[in-house]
Amino acid sequence: MAQPQASELIPRLREAGLLASGNPHVTSLSGGVSSDIVLVEDGARSFVVKRALPKLRVKDDWFADVSRNRVEQDWLDYAGRVAPDAVPLLLHADRNEAWFAMEYLGEGWANWKSELLAGRADAAVARRAGDTLGRLHAASWDNPRLKERFSTLANFTELRIAPYLLATAERVPGVALELRAEAGRLSGCAEALVHGDFSPKNLLISPGRLVVLDAEVAWYGDPVFDVAFLVCHLLLKGLHHAGAPEPVLALIGEVWRAYGEAAGVRAGPALEARTARLALCLVLARIHGKSPVEYLGGPGKAFASAFAIRHLPYPQPTLETLTGAWRAGLAQLSHP
């Protein structure tokens, strides 16, 4: 957050009773493309403030309703009750001005995306991610109260279905039918509370703990989206390490097994098949959609695109077979 915005924020923090000193220090944090995020240091106390942006910081024009900040406030409230170990404590929420304050976790945390890009593939972290996601989903299955509270399909469409699936359908007409069918299926599904951005960049890790951030896309819909979103990211991280992808690709199985144990009987073959199909759609969307992957070069992007286009009409029935096909393709890419 730029300094003029910080000076604008301080009176609001004071009105909310969050400040004790007369000279708090505000520092901008890296927060992705959708929000301004700052660290506020007020004497011995520190906390983080997040405020939604009306226009996302991406190459394409991508506008979104700032009410998504209220959605994230509600998700933090929900998750704090189900899995308090897995989310920062919500300190204050302003529903009218679309900002909230939350606990600052301090030093000693690593970002899982950075760890994976560096080639550090920890199976324990993958199991913790799967378990956390499974617990959050299981507590929300078929819950009418949550379904009403998170009736946010318009927000989810604006931030996920349109920029990922529908934009990709326009740009890759050869599989437009499959992508639009998946978009329609997602729009009509309401089974559990979805985080909407369950990716390594939003998972902070420390010894024995994993914390989930950035839930402004939360929606009562298809839990498959969260699992597929994470699987997509792990496939692409494996591609990033195409010469030695196995440590990263092996994490997909760890995530799925831990998720299944936590989510229970609902995480069966049908849900897994849906996950594998949607993961392919999302891989293609990270190449051709409005939020393209930034760490792959031309050959890697070409591989991911060709793989998804080839397999989408005949998707793999399990995550194991999907990962196996990806692994076999990478072997040919590494050893032509």
Protein backbone atom coordinates (compact mmCIF):
# COMPACT_ATOMS: atom_id res chain seq x y z
CA MET A 1 0.00 0.00 0.00
CA ALA A 2 1.47 3.34 -0.99
CA GLN A 3 2.19 5.86 1.75
CA PRO A 4 -0.80 8.16 0.97
CA GLN A 5 -3.08 5.15 1.31
CA ALA A 6 -1.38 4.26 4.59
CA SER A 7 -2.04 7.71 6.00
CA GLU A 8 -5.66 7.30 4.95
CA LEU A 9 -5.83 3.94 6.71
CA ILE A 10 -4.40 4.98 10.08
CA PRO A 11 -7.46 7.02 11.23
CA ARG A 12 -9.68 4.04 10.44
CA LEU A 13 -7.47 1.74 12.47
CA ARG A 14 -7.57 4.21 15.34
CA GLU A 15 -11.38 4.43 15.17
CA ALA A 16 -11.52 0.62 15.31
CA GLY A 17 -9.49 0.63 18.51
CA LEU A 18 -6.58 -1.20 16.90
CA LEU A 19 -3.91 1.43 17.62
CA ALA A 20 -2.44 2.42 20.97
CA SER A 21 0.55 4.56 20.03
CA GLY A 22 0.62 7.90 18.26
CA ASN A 23 3.08 6.83 15.57
CA PRO A 24 2.34 3.42 14.04
CA HIS A 25 4.57 2.21 11.21
CA VAL A 26 2.92 0.83 8.05
CA THR A 27 4.84 -1.35 5.58
CA SER A 28 3.55 -2.74 2.28
CA LEU A 29 3.67 -6.52 1.94
CA SER A 30 3.65 -8.54 -1.25
CA GLY A 31 0.09 -9.73 -1.57
CA GLY A 32 -0.48 -11.09 -5.03
CA VAL A 33 -2.69 -9.36 -7.57
CA SER A 34 -6.01 -8.71 -5.87
CA SER A 35 -5.46 -6.74 -2.66
CA ASP A 36 -3.35 -4.20 -0.82
CA ILE A 37 -1.79 -5.86 2.23
CA VAL A 38 0.19 -4.00 4.88
CA LEU A 39 1.97 -4.77 8.12
CA VAL A 40 1.09 -2.36 10.92
CA GLU A 41 3.62 -2.09 13.75
CA ASP A 42 2.23 -0.25 16.75
CA GLY A 43 4.71 -0.34 19.60
CA ALA A 44 5.02 -3.94 20.79
CA ARG A 45 2.00 -5.03 18.75
CA SER A 46 1.94 -5.96 15.06
CA PHE A 47 -0.92 -7.00 12.78
CA VAL A 48 -1.78 -7.24 9.09
CA VAL A 49 -4.46 -5.27 7.23
CA LYS A 50 -5.91 -6.44 3.91
CA ARG A 51 -8.03 -4.29 1.59
CA ALA A 52 -9.48 -5.48 -1.73
CA LEU A 53 -8.64 -3.78 -5.04
CA PRO A 54 -11.36 -3.10 -7.64
CA LYS A 55 -8.92 -3.88 -10.51
CA LEU A 56 -6.54 -6.79 -10.23
CA ARG A 57 -2.84 -6.40 -11.01
CA VAL A 58 -2.65 -8.55 -14.14
CA LYS A 59 -1.94 -7.87 -17.81
CA ASP A 60 -5.55 -8.37 -18.93
CA ASP A 61 -8.32 -6.06 -17.71
CA TRP A 62 -9.77 -7.91 -14.74
CA PHE A 63 -12.21 -6.12 -12.45
CA ALA A 64 -13.86 -7.62 -9.39
CA ASP A 65 -16.32 -6.47 -6.74
CA VAL A 66 -14.50 -5.48 -3.53
CA SER A 67 -17.28 -7.18 -1.55
CA ARG A 68 -15.09 -10.27 -1.89
CA ASN A 69 -13.22 -8.91 1.14
CA ARG A 70 -16.35 -9.54 3.20
CA VAL A 71 -16.43 -13.08 1.83
CA GLU A 72 -12.91 -13.62 3.13
CA GLN A 73 -13.90 -12.19 6.51
CA ASP A 74 -16.71 -14.74 6.71
CA TRP A 75 -14.45 -17.60 5.63
CA LEU A 76 -11.85 -16.73 8.29
CA ASP A 77 -14.63 -16.73 10.87
CA TYR A 78 -15.78 -20.18 9.69
CA ALA A 79 -12.32 -21.71 9.40
CA GLY A 80 -11.28 -20.27 12.74
CA ARG A 81 -13.99 -22.38 14.36
CA VAL A 82 -13.27 -25.59 12.40
CA ALA A 83 -9.47 -25.50 12.18
CA PRO A 84 -8.13 -22.66 14.35
CA ASP A 85 -4.58 -23.97 13.93
CA ALA A 86 -4.80 -23.42 10.17
CA VAL A 87 -5.79 -19.74 9.88
CA PRO A 88 -4.64 -16.41 11.31
CA LEU A 89 -6.83 -14.91 14.01
CA LEU A 90 -9.27 -12.30 12.69
CA LEU A 91 -8.85 -9.17 14.83
CA HIS A 92 -11.27 -6.70 13.26
CA ALA A 93 -13.50 -6.62 10.18
CA ASP A 94 -15.01 -3.60 8.44
CA ARG A 95 -17.72 -4.90 6.16
CA ASN A 96 -18.61 -1.49 4.76
CA GLU A 97 -15.15 -0.42 3.61
CA ALA A 98 -13.91 -3.90 2.59
CA TRP A 99 -10.90 -4.31 4.86
CA PHE A 100 -9.97 -6.40 7.85
CA ALA A 101 -7.14 -6.80 10.34
CA MET A 102 -5.67 -10.16 11.22
CA GLU A 103 -2.93 -11.68 13.32
CA TYR A 104 0.66 -11.20 12.15
CA LEU A 105 2.31 -14.60 12.31
CA GLY A 106 5.84 -13.24 12.71
CA GLU A 107 9.13 -14.65 11.51
CA GLY A 108 10.01 -18.29 10.94
CA TRP A 109 7.46 -19.04 8.24
CA ALA A 110 8.10 -20.18 4.68
CA ASN A 111 5.85 -19.85 1.67
CA TRP A 112 5.14 -23.29 0.22
CA LYS A 113 5.30 -22.04 -3.36
CA SER A 114 8.81 -20.71 -2.79
CA GLU A 115 9.83 -24.01 -1.22
CA LEU A 116 8.48 -26.02 -4.16
CA LEU A 117 10.09 -23.77 -6.75
CA ALA A 118 13.39 -24.27 -4.92
CA GLY A 119 12.94 -28.05 -5.19
CA ARG A 120 12.14 -28.69 -1.53
CA ALA A 121 9.25 -31.17 -1.65
CA ASP A 122 8.20 -32.11 1.88
CA ALA A 123 5.65 -34.94 2.04
CA ALA A 124 4.63 -33.93 5.57
CA VAL A 125 3.56 -30.50 4.29
CA ALA A 126 1.54 -32.10 1.50
CA ARG A 127 -0.23 -34.36 3.98
CA ARG A 128 -0.96 -31.40 6.24
CA ALA A 129 -2.40 -29.47 3.29
CA GLY A 130 -4.65 -32.38 2.31
CA ASP A 131 -5.76 -32.95 5.89
CA THR A 132 -6.57 -29.27 6.45
CA LEU A 133 -8.58 -29.05 3.25
CA GLY A 134 -10.42 -32.27 4.06
CA ARG A 135 -11.37 -31.04 7.54
CA LEU A 136 -12.62 -27.72 6.21
CA HIS A 137 -14.72 -29.41 3.53
CA ALA A 138 -16.08 -32.18 5.76
CA ALA A 139 -17.40 -29.71 8.33
CA SER A 140 -19.40 -27.90 5.64
CA TRP A 141 -20.97 -30.75 3.62
CA ASP A 142 -24.68 -30.18 2.97
CA ASN A 143 -24.93 -27.27 5.40
CA PRO A 144 -27.90 -25.03 4.52
CA ARG A 145 -26.69 -22.19 6.76
CA LEU A 146 -23.29 -22.07 5.09
CA LYS A 147 -24.88 -22.45 1.68
CA GLU A 148 -26.88 -19.29 2.31
CA ARG A 149 -23.99 -17.42 3.93
CA PHE A 150 -21.65 -18.21 1.04
CA SER A 151 -24.08 -17.88 -1.85
CA THR A 152 -21.31 -16.16 -3.80
CA LEU A 153 -21.51 -17.72 -7.25
CA ALA A 154 -21.34 -14.31 -8.93
CA ASN A 155 -18.09 -13.53 -7.13
CA PHE A 156 -16.67 -16.99 -7.87
CA THR A 157 -17.64 -16.67 -11.52
CA GLU A 158 -15.99 -13.25 -11.75
CA LEU A 159 -12.76 -14.43 -10.14
CA ARG A 160 -12.48 -18.07 -11.21
CA ILE A 161 -14.93 -19.48 -13.75
CA ALA A 162 -14.78 -16.57 -16.21
CA PRO A 163 -11.06 -15.67 -16.14
CA TYR A 164 -9.89 -19.27 -15.97
CA LEU A 165 -12.32 -21.54 -17.83
CA LEU A 166 -14.39 -19.25 -20.05
CA ALA A 167 -11.50 -17.03 -21.12
CA THR A 168 -9.49 -20.15 -21.99
CA ALA A 169 -12.43 -21.56 -23.96
CA GLU A 170 -12.37 -18.46 -26.15
CA ARG A 171 -8.63 -18.74 -26.72
CA VAL A 172 -8.42 -22.53 -27.24
CA PRO A 173 -11.44 -23.37 -29.39
CA GLY A 174 -10.37 -27.00 -29.86
CA VAL A 175 -11.47 -27.85 -26.30
CA ALA A 176 -13.96 -25.02 -25.79
CA LEU A 177 -16.82 -27.52 -25.46
CA GLU A 178 -15.11 -29.34 -22.59
CA LEU A 179 -14.15 -26.13 -20.81
CA ARG A 180 -17.62 -24.61 -21.08
CA ALA A 181 -19.19 -27.86 -19.91
CA GLU A 182 -16.95 -27.83 -16.84
CA ALA A 183 -17.81 -24.18 -16.19
CA GLY A 184 -21.50 -25.03 -16.33
CA ARG A 185 -21.06 -28.03 -14.05
CA LEU A 186 -19.24 -25.93 -11.46
CA SER A 187 -21.92 -23.27 -11.59
CA GLY A 188 -24.60 -25.83 -10.75
CA CYS A 189 -22.81 -27.60 -7.88
CA ALA A 190 -23.40 -26.74 -4.21
CA GLU A 191 -21.95 -29.40 -1.91
CA ALA A 192 -19.45 -27.78 0.45
CA LEU A 193 -17.62 -24.58 1.31
CA VAL A 194 -14.77 -23.95 -1.16
CA HIS A 195 -11.72 -21.81 -0.35
CA GLY A 196 -11.24 -20.95 -4.04
CA ASP A 197 -7.48 -20.23 -4.02
CA PHE A 198 -5.98 -23.21 -2.22
CA SER A 199 -2.58 -22.97 -3.87
CA PRO A 200 0.97 -23.20 -2.49
CA LYS A 201 1.41 -19.42 -2.61
CA ASN A 202 -1.36 -19.10 -0.02
CA LEU A 203 0.01 -21.74 2.34
CA LEU A 204 2.55 -20.68 4.96
CA ILE A 205 4.50 -23.43 6.68
CA SER A 206 6.55 -23.76 9.83
CA PRO A 207 7.62 -26.88 11.72
CA GLY A 208 4.42 -28.69 12.63
CA ARG A 209 1.96 -26.09 11.33
CA LEU A 210 0.36 -24.93 8.08
CA VAL A 211 -1.66 -21.71 7.76
CA VAL A 212 -4.08 -20.93 4.92
CA LEU A 213 -4.45 -17.39 3.58
CA ASP A 214 -6.43 -15.50 0.92
CA ALA A 215 -9.99 -16.83 0.92
CA GLU A 216 -11.69 -13.95 -0.91
CA VAL A 217 -12.99 -16.36 -3.57
CA ALA A 218 -14.79 -18.56 -1.01
CA TRP A 219 -18.02 -20.05 -2.34
CA TYR A 220 -20.46 -22.77 -1.36
CA GLY A 221 -20.04 -25.01 -4.37
CA ASP A 222 -17.91 -27.89 -5.60
CA PRO A 223 -15.15 -28.97 -3.17
CA VAL A 224 -13.37 -30.56 -6.13
CA PHE A 225 -12.24 -27.08 -7.14
CA ASP A 226 -9.89 -26.73 -4.16
CA VAL A 227 -8.30 -30.14 -4.63
CA ALA A 228 -7.95 -29.69 -8.40
CA PHE A 229 -6.50 -26.21 -7.95
CA LEU A 230 -3.76 -27.59 -5.69
CA VAL A 231 -3.12 -30.58 -7.97
CA CYS A 232 -2.78 -28.23 -10.95
CA HIS A 233 -0.14 -26.23 -9.10
CA LEU A 234 1.79 -29.36 -8.16
CA LEU A 235 1.73 -30.62 -11.74
CA LEU A 236 3.14 -27.30 -12.94
CA LYS A 237 5.80 -27.27 -10.20
CA GLY A 238 6.80 -30.75 -11.35
CA LEU A 239 7.08 -29.39 -14.88
CA HIS A 240 9.25 -26.57 -13.56
CA HIS A 241 11.61 -29.29 -12.31
CA ALA A 242 11.19 -31.39 -15.46
CA GLY A 243 14.66 -32.89 -15.14
CA ALA A 244 13.82 -34.33 -11.72
CA PRO A 245 10.05 -33.94 -11.16
CA GLU A 246 9.38 -36.94 -8.96
CA PRO A 247 9.74 -35.39 -5.49
CA VAL A 248 7.11 -32.78 -6.36
CA LEU A 249 4.79 -35.07 -8.32
CA ALA A 250 4.79 -37.59 -5.47
CA LEU A 251 3.13 -34.93 -3.30
CA ILE A 252 -0.12 -35.27 -5.29
CA GLY A 253 -0.70 -38.75 -3.90
CA GLU A 254 0.13 -37.54 -0.38
CA VAL A 255 -2.38 -34.70 -0.66
CA TRP A 256 -5.13 -36.96 -1.97
CA ARG A 257 -4.67 -39.67 0.67
CA ALA A 258 -4.67 -37.17 3.53
CA TYR A 259 -7.65 -35.35 2.04
CA GLY A 260 -9.60 -38.60 1.72
CA GLU A 261 -8.91 -39.59 5.32
CA ALA A 262 -10.12 -36.21 6.58
CA ALA A 263 -13.06 -35.74 4.19
CA GLY A 264 -14.43 -39.26 4.65
CA VAL A 265 -16.56 -41.39 2.37
CA ARG A 266 -17.48 -38.52 0.07
CA ALA A 267 -13.92 -38.45 -1.26
CA GLY A 268 -14.54 -41.50 -3.41
CA PRO A 269 -13.93 -42.46 -7.05
CA ALA A 270 -16.52 -40.08 -8.49
CA LEU A 271 -15.08 -37.07 -6.69
CA GLU A 272 -11.55 -38.11 -7.67
CA ALA A 273 -12.51 -38.39 -11.34
CA ARG A 274 -14.03 -34.91 -11.21
CA THR A 275 -10.83 -33.66 -9.61
CA ALA A 276 -8.63 -35.11 -12.35
CA ARG A 277 -10.81 -33.61 -15.10
CA LEU A 278 -10.92 -30.16 -13.52
CA ALA A 279 -7.17 -30.23 -12.85
CA LEU A 280 -6.61 -30.60 -16.61
CA CYS A 281 -8.88 -27.64 -17.29
CA LEU A 282 -6.98 -25.54 -14.78
CA VAL A 283 -3.59 -26.53 -16.22
CA LEU A 284 -4.75 -25.21 -19.58
CA ALA A 285 -6.17 -22.09 -17.93
CA ARG A 286 -2.81 -21.32 -16.30
CA ILE A 287 -1.33 -21.15 -19.80
CA HIS A 288 -4.10 -19.41 -21.75
CA GLY A 289 -6.37 -17.77 -19.15
CA LYS A 290 -6.18 -14.39 -17.44
CA SER A 291 -3.83 -15.60 -14.69
CA PRO A 292 -0.98 -17.30 -16.58
CA VAL A 293 1.78 -19.11 -14.72
CA GLU A 294 4.86 -16.90 -14.47
CA TYR A 295 7.69 -19.37 -13.79
CA LEU A 296 7.50 -21.55 -16.93
CA GLY A 297 9.29 -20.79 -20.17
CA GLY A 298 8.01 -21.35 -23.69
CA PRO A 299 8.77 -25.10 -23.90
CA GLY A 300 7.13 -25.77 -20.55
CA LYS A 301 4.02 -23.82 -21.45
CA ALA A 302 3.83 -25.61 -24.81
CA PHE A 303 4.08 -29.00 -23.05
CA ALA A 304 1.35 -28.17 -20.53
CA SER A 305 -0.96 -26.80 -23.20
CA ALA A 306 -0.50 -29.76 -25.55
CA PHE A 307 -0.93 -32.28 -22.71
CA ALA A 308 -4.19 -30.74 -21.50
CA ILE A 309 -5.62 -30.39 -25.01
CA ARG A 310 -4.78 -34.01 -25.79
CA HIS A 311 -6.22 -35.44 -22.56
CA LEU A 312 -9.25 -33.23 -21.89
CA PRO A 313 -11.60 -35.12 -24.23
CA TYR A 314 -10.55 -38.37 -22.50
CA PRO A 315 -9.57 -37.38 -18.94
CA GLN A 316 -7.81 -39.76 -16.58
CA PRO A 317 -10.11 -41.46 -14.01
CA THR A 318 -7.75 -41.06 -11.05
CA LEU A 319 -5.11 -38.66 -9.87
CA GLU A 320 -2.59 -41.49 -9.94
CA THR A 321 -3.17 -42.13 -13.65
CA LEU A 322 -3.18 -38.40 -14.40
CA THR A 323 0.13 -37.98 -12.58
CA GLY A 324 1.52 -41.04 -14.34
CA ALA A 325 0.63 -39.66 -17.76
CA TRP A 326 2.16 -36.29 -16.85
CA ARG A 327 5.29 -38.03 -15.59
CA ALA A 328 5.62 -40.03 -18.82
CA GLY A 329 5.25 -36.88 -20.88
CA LEU A 330 7.94 -35.14 -18.86
CA ALA A 331 10.30 -38.05 -19.43
CA GLN A 332 9.97 -37.50 -23.18
CA LEU A 333 10.40 -33.75 -22.72
CA SER A 334 13.60 -34.25 -20.75
CA HIS A 335 14.97 -36.98 -23.04
CA PRO A 336 13.78 -36.34 -26.62
